[in-house]
C-alpha cells in the first residue's frame, strides 16, 4: 500500500512539430522535438525558466505536453519538498540558465531524483549536447543561443 504522491514528467516540443520535419535538413539527423520538461507532483508543475517556476499542472506557457512520463512516487511531505526546492533553486537561477549545461531538462532531472531517487530518461537532459555534436550542430549554436534567451526567461504567472 502506497501513501505517496505520483511524480510525472511533462514533455513539451518547443518547436511545435518543426523539429521533426526540419531536423534532417538542418542537422543532418532526425530529432523528434526540441524538448522542454517539467515535473508534476501534487497537482503543481515545476519547471526552470526565469528561475524555478511553479504553476497549476497543465497551465504553463508551453501549451499541452506532447507526452507524460510516470517517474514514480514520492513519500516526501509538501513542506519538506518546498525546503528541498528552495535549496535546488540556488543552482537554477535565471543567471545560471544555459541551454547546453543547465536548462529545464537538467532541472527536471535534479528535481525528479530528489523526489523519487530516479533520474528522468536521459534523452531529455542530453539532447542539447547531442544536437551540438550533429553534423550541423555548431552552425546552429547562434539560433540555440537565441532560444536560450527566450526560454531562459519564461515565468509562470497567476500561481500562488
Protein backbone atom coordinates (compact mmCIF):
# COMPACT_ATOMS: atom_id res chain seq x y z
CA UNK A 1 0.00 0.00 0.00
CA UNK A 2 1.40 3.37 -1.00
CA UNK A 3 0.52 6.71 0.52
CA UNK A 4 2.90 8.63 -1.75
CA UNK A 5 2.13 11.14 -4.45
CA UNK A 6 2.64 10.32 -8.11
CA UNK A 7 5.50 12.19 -9.82
CA UNK A 8 5.13 12.88 -13.55
CA UNK A 9 7.38 14.30 -16.22
CA UNK A 10 5.61 16.56 -18.71
CA UNK A 11 7.43 16.71 -22.05
CA UNK A 12 6.84 19.59 -24.47
CA UNK A 13 8.08 20.29 -28.01
CA UNK A 14 9.29 23.89 -28.16
CA UNK A 15 9.12 23.79 -31.97
CA UNK A 16 5.52 22.57 -32.20
CA UNK A 17 6.47 19.85 -34.67
CA UNK A 18 9.00 21.76 -36.76
CA UNK A 19 11.99 19.86 -35.35
CA UNK A 20 10.66 16.58 -36.66
CA UNK A 21 10.22 17.87 -40.19
CA UNK A 22 13.20 20.24 -40.47
CA UNK A 23 15.89 18.49 -38.42
CA UNK A 24 17.14 16.16 -41.20
CA UNK A 25 17.80 19.18 -43.39
CA UNK A 26 19.13 21.46 -40.63
CA UNK A 27 21.02 18.95 -38.51
CA UNK A 28 21.76 16.11 -40.88
CA UNK A 29 19.94 13.83 -38.43
CA UNK A 30 16.34 13.28 -37.33
CA UNK A 31 15.15 14.53 -33.94
CA UNK A 32 11.62 14.22 -32.63
CA UNK A 33 11.39 17.61 -30.91
CA UNK A 34 13.29 20.27 -29.03
CA UNK A 35 12.33 19.21 -25.55
CA UNK A 36 11.19 21.24 -22.59
CA UNK A 37 10.38 19.22 -19.50
CA UNK A 38 8.75 19.89 -16.18
CA UNK A 39 7.93 17.80 -13.12
CA UNK A 40 4.41 17.49 -11.73
CA UNK A 41 3.67 16.44 -8.16
CA UNK A 42 0.63 17.20 -6.06
CA UNK A 43 -1.11 19.00 -8.93
CA UNK A 44 1.74 21.52 -9.23
CA UNK A 45 4.01 21.75 -12.29
CA UNK A 46 7.61 22.79 -11.61
CA UNK A 47 9.93 24.00 -14.36
CA UNK A 48 13.08 26.03 -14.89
CA UNK A 49 12.92 29.19 -16.95
CA UNK A 50 13.41 32.59 -15.31
CA UNK A 51 14.47 30.68 -12.21
CA UNK A 52 12.48 27.82 -10.74
CA UNK A 53 8.80 28.30 -11.57
CA UNK A 54 5.60 26.62 -10.49
CA UNK A 55 2.03 26.69 -11.70
CA UNK A 56 -1.08 24.57 -11.70
CA UNK A 57 -0.26 21.46 -13.71
CA UNK A 58 -1.03 21.98 -17.39
CA UNK A 59 -1.12 25.78 -17.17
CA UNK A 60 2.41 26.60 -18.36
CA UNK A 61 3.03 28.90 -21.34
CA UNK A 62 4.12 25.82 -23.35
CA UNK A 63 0.64 24.51 -24.20
CA UNK A 64 -0.30 20.87 -23.77
CA UNK A 65 2.53 18.37 -23.23
CA UNK A 66 3.36 16.04 -26.10
CA UNK A 67 3.81 13.21 -23.60
CA UNK A 68 3.58 12.41 -19.92
CA UNK A 69 6.04 10.00 -18.30
CA UNK A 70 5.39 8.41 -14.91
CA UNK A 71 8.54 8.74 -12.80
CA UNK A 72 7.35 7.02 -9.65
CA UNK A 73 6.05 8.27 -6.33
CA UNK A 74 7.38 10.48 -3.60
CA UNK A 75 6.82 9.98 0.10
CA UNK A 76 8.25 13.42 0.87
CA UNK A 77 5.72 15.74 2.57
CA UNK A 78 4.90 19.00 0.81
CA UNK A 79 6.60 21.24 3.42
CA UNK A 80 9.84 19.25 3.13
CA UNK A 81 9.58 19.35 -0.68
CA UNK A 82 9.36 23.14 -0.50
CA UNK A 83 12.57 23.28 1.55
CA UNK A 84 14.29 20.96 -0.92
CA UNK A 85 13.08 23.11 -3.82
CA UNK A 86 14.43 26.25 -2.15
CA UNK A 87 17.84 24.56 -1.87
CA UNK A 88 17.69 23.42 -5.50
CA UNK A 89 16.70 26.93 -6.62
CA UNK A 90 20.16 28.19 -5.70
CA UNK A 91 21.57 26.11 -8.57
CA UNK A 92 18.79 27.03 -11.02
CA UNK A 93 18.74 30.83 -11.08
CA UNK A 94 17.93 32.97 -14.13
CA UNK A 95 21.63 33.88 -14.36
CA UNK A 96 22.69 30.23 -14.27
CA UNK A 97 20.45 29.18 -17.18
CA UNK A 98 22.47 27.65 -20.01
CA UNK A 99 20.82 25.90 -22.93
CA UNK A 100 23.54 23.26 -23.11
CA UNK A 101 24.55 22.56 -19.49
CA UNK A 102 21.87 23.95 -17.12
CA UNK A 103 18.44 24.06 -18.72
CA UNK A 104 14.88 22.99 -17.93
CA UNK A 105 15.70 19.35 -18.59
CA UNK A 106 18.62 19.41 -16.13
CA UNK A 107 16.31 20.94 -13.52
CA UNK A 108 13.64 18.28 -14.15
CA UNK A 109 16.29 15.60 -13.77
CA UNK A 110 17.60 17.01 -10.48
CA UNK A 111 14.10 17.58 -9.05
CA UNK A 112 12.90 14.11 -10.08
CA UNK A 113 15.94 12.49 -8.48
CA UNK A 114 15.29 14.32 -5.22
CA UNK A 115 11.62 13.35 -5.25
CA UNK A 116 11.85 9.73 -6.41
CA UNK A 117 15.51 8.71 -6.32
CA UNK A 118 15.40 8.18 -10.10
CA UNK A 119 16.53 10.38 -12.99
CA UNK A 120 14.37 11.29 -15.96
CA UNK A 121 15.00 9.48 -19.26
CA UNK A 122 18.46 10.52 -20.48
CA UNK A 123 17.26 11.62 -23.92
CA UNK A 124 15.92 14.84 -22.39
CA UNK A 125 18.89 16.26 -20.45
CA UNK A 126 21.34 15.07 -23.13
CA UNK A 127 19.51 16.47 -26.16
CA UNK A 128 21.26 19.85 -26.46
CA UNK A 129 24.67 18.19 -26.32
CA UNK A 130 23.60 15.66 -28.98
CA UNK A 131 22.38 18.45 -31.26
CA UNK A 132 25.72 20.24 -30.91
CA UNK A 133 27.54 17.05 -31.90
CA UNK A 134 25.45 16.62 -35.06
CA UNK A 135 26.99 17.49 -38.46
CA UNK A 136 25.41 20.97 -38.45
CA UNK A 137 25.10 21.47 -34.69
CA UNK A 138 27.88 24.02 -34.29
CA UNK A 139 26.39 26.13 -37.07
CA UNK A 140 23.07 26.16 -35.18
CA UNK A 141 24.66 27.40 -31.96
CA UNK A 142 23.65 31.06 -32.61
CA UNK A 143 20.00 30.00 -33.10
CA UNK A 144 20.20 27.88 -29.95
CA UNK A 145 21.56 30.85 -28.04
CA UNK A 146 18.55 32.90 -29.15
CA UNK A 147 16.31 30.14 -27.83
CA UNK A 148 18.29 30.25 -24.60
CA UNK A 149 17.47 33.93 -24.16
CA UNK A 150 13.80 33.32 -24.91
CA UNK A 151 13.24 30.24 -22.77
CA UNK A 152 15.68 31.14 -20.05
CA UNK A 153 13.32 33.91 -19.00
CA UNK A 154 9.96 32.13 -19.15
CA UNK A 155 7.95 32.52 -15.98
CA UNK A 156 4.64 31.24 -14.70
CA UNK A 157 2.05 33.81 -13.79
CA UNK A 158 -1.02 33.76 -11.61
CA UNK A 159 0.02 30.99 -9.23
CA UNK A 160 0.26 31.48 -5.50
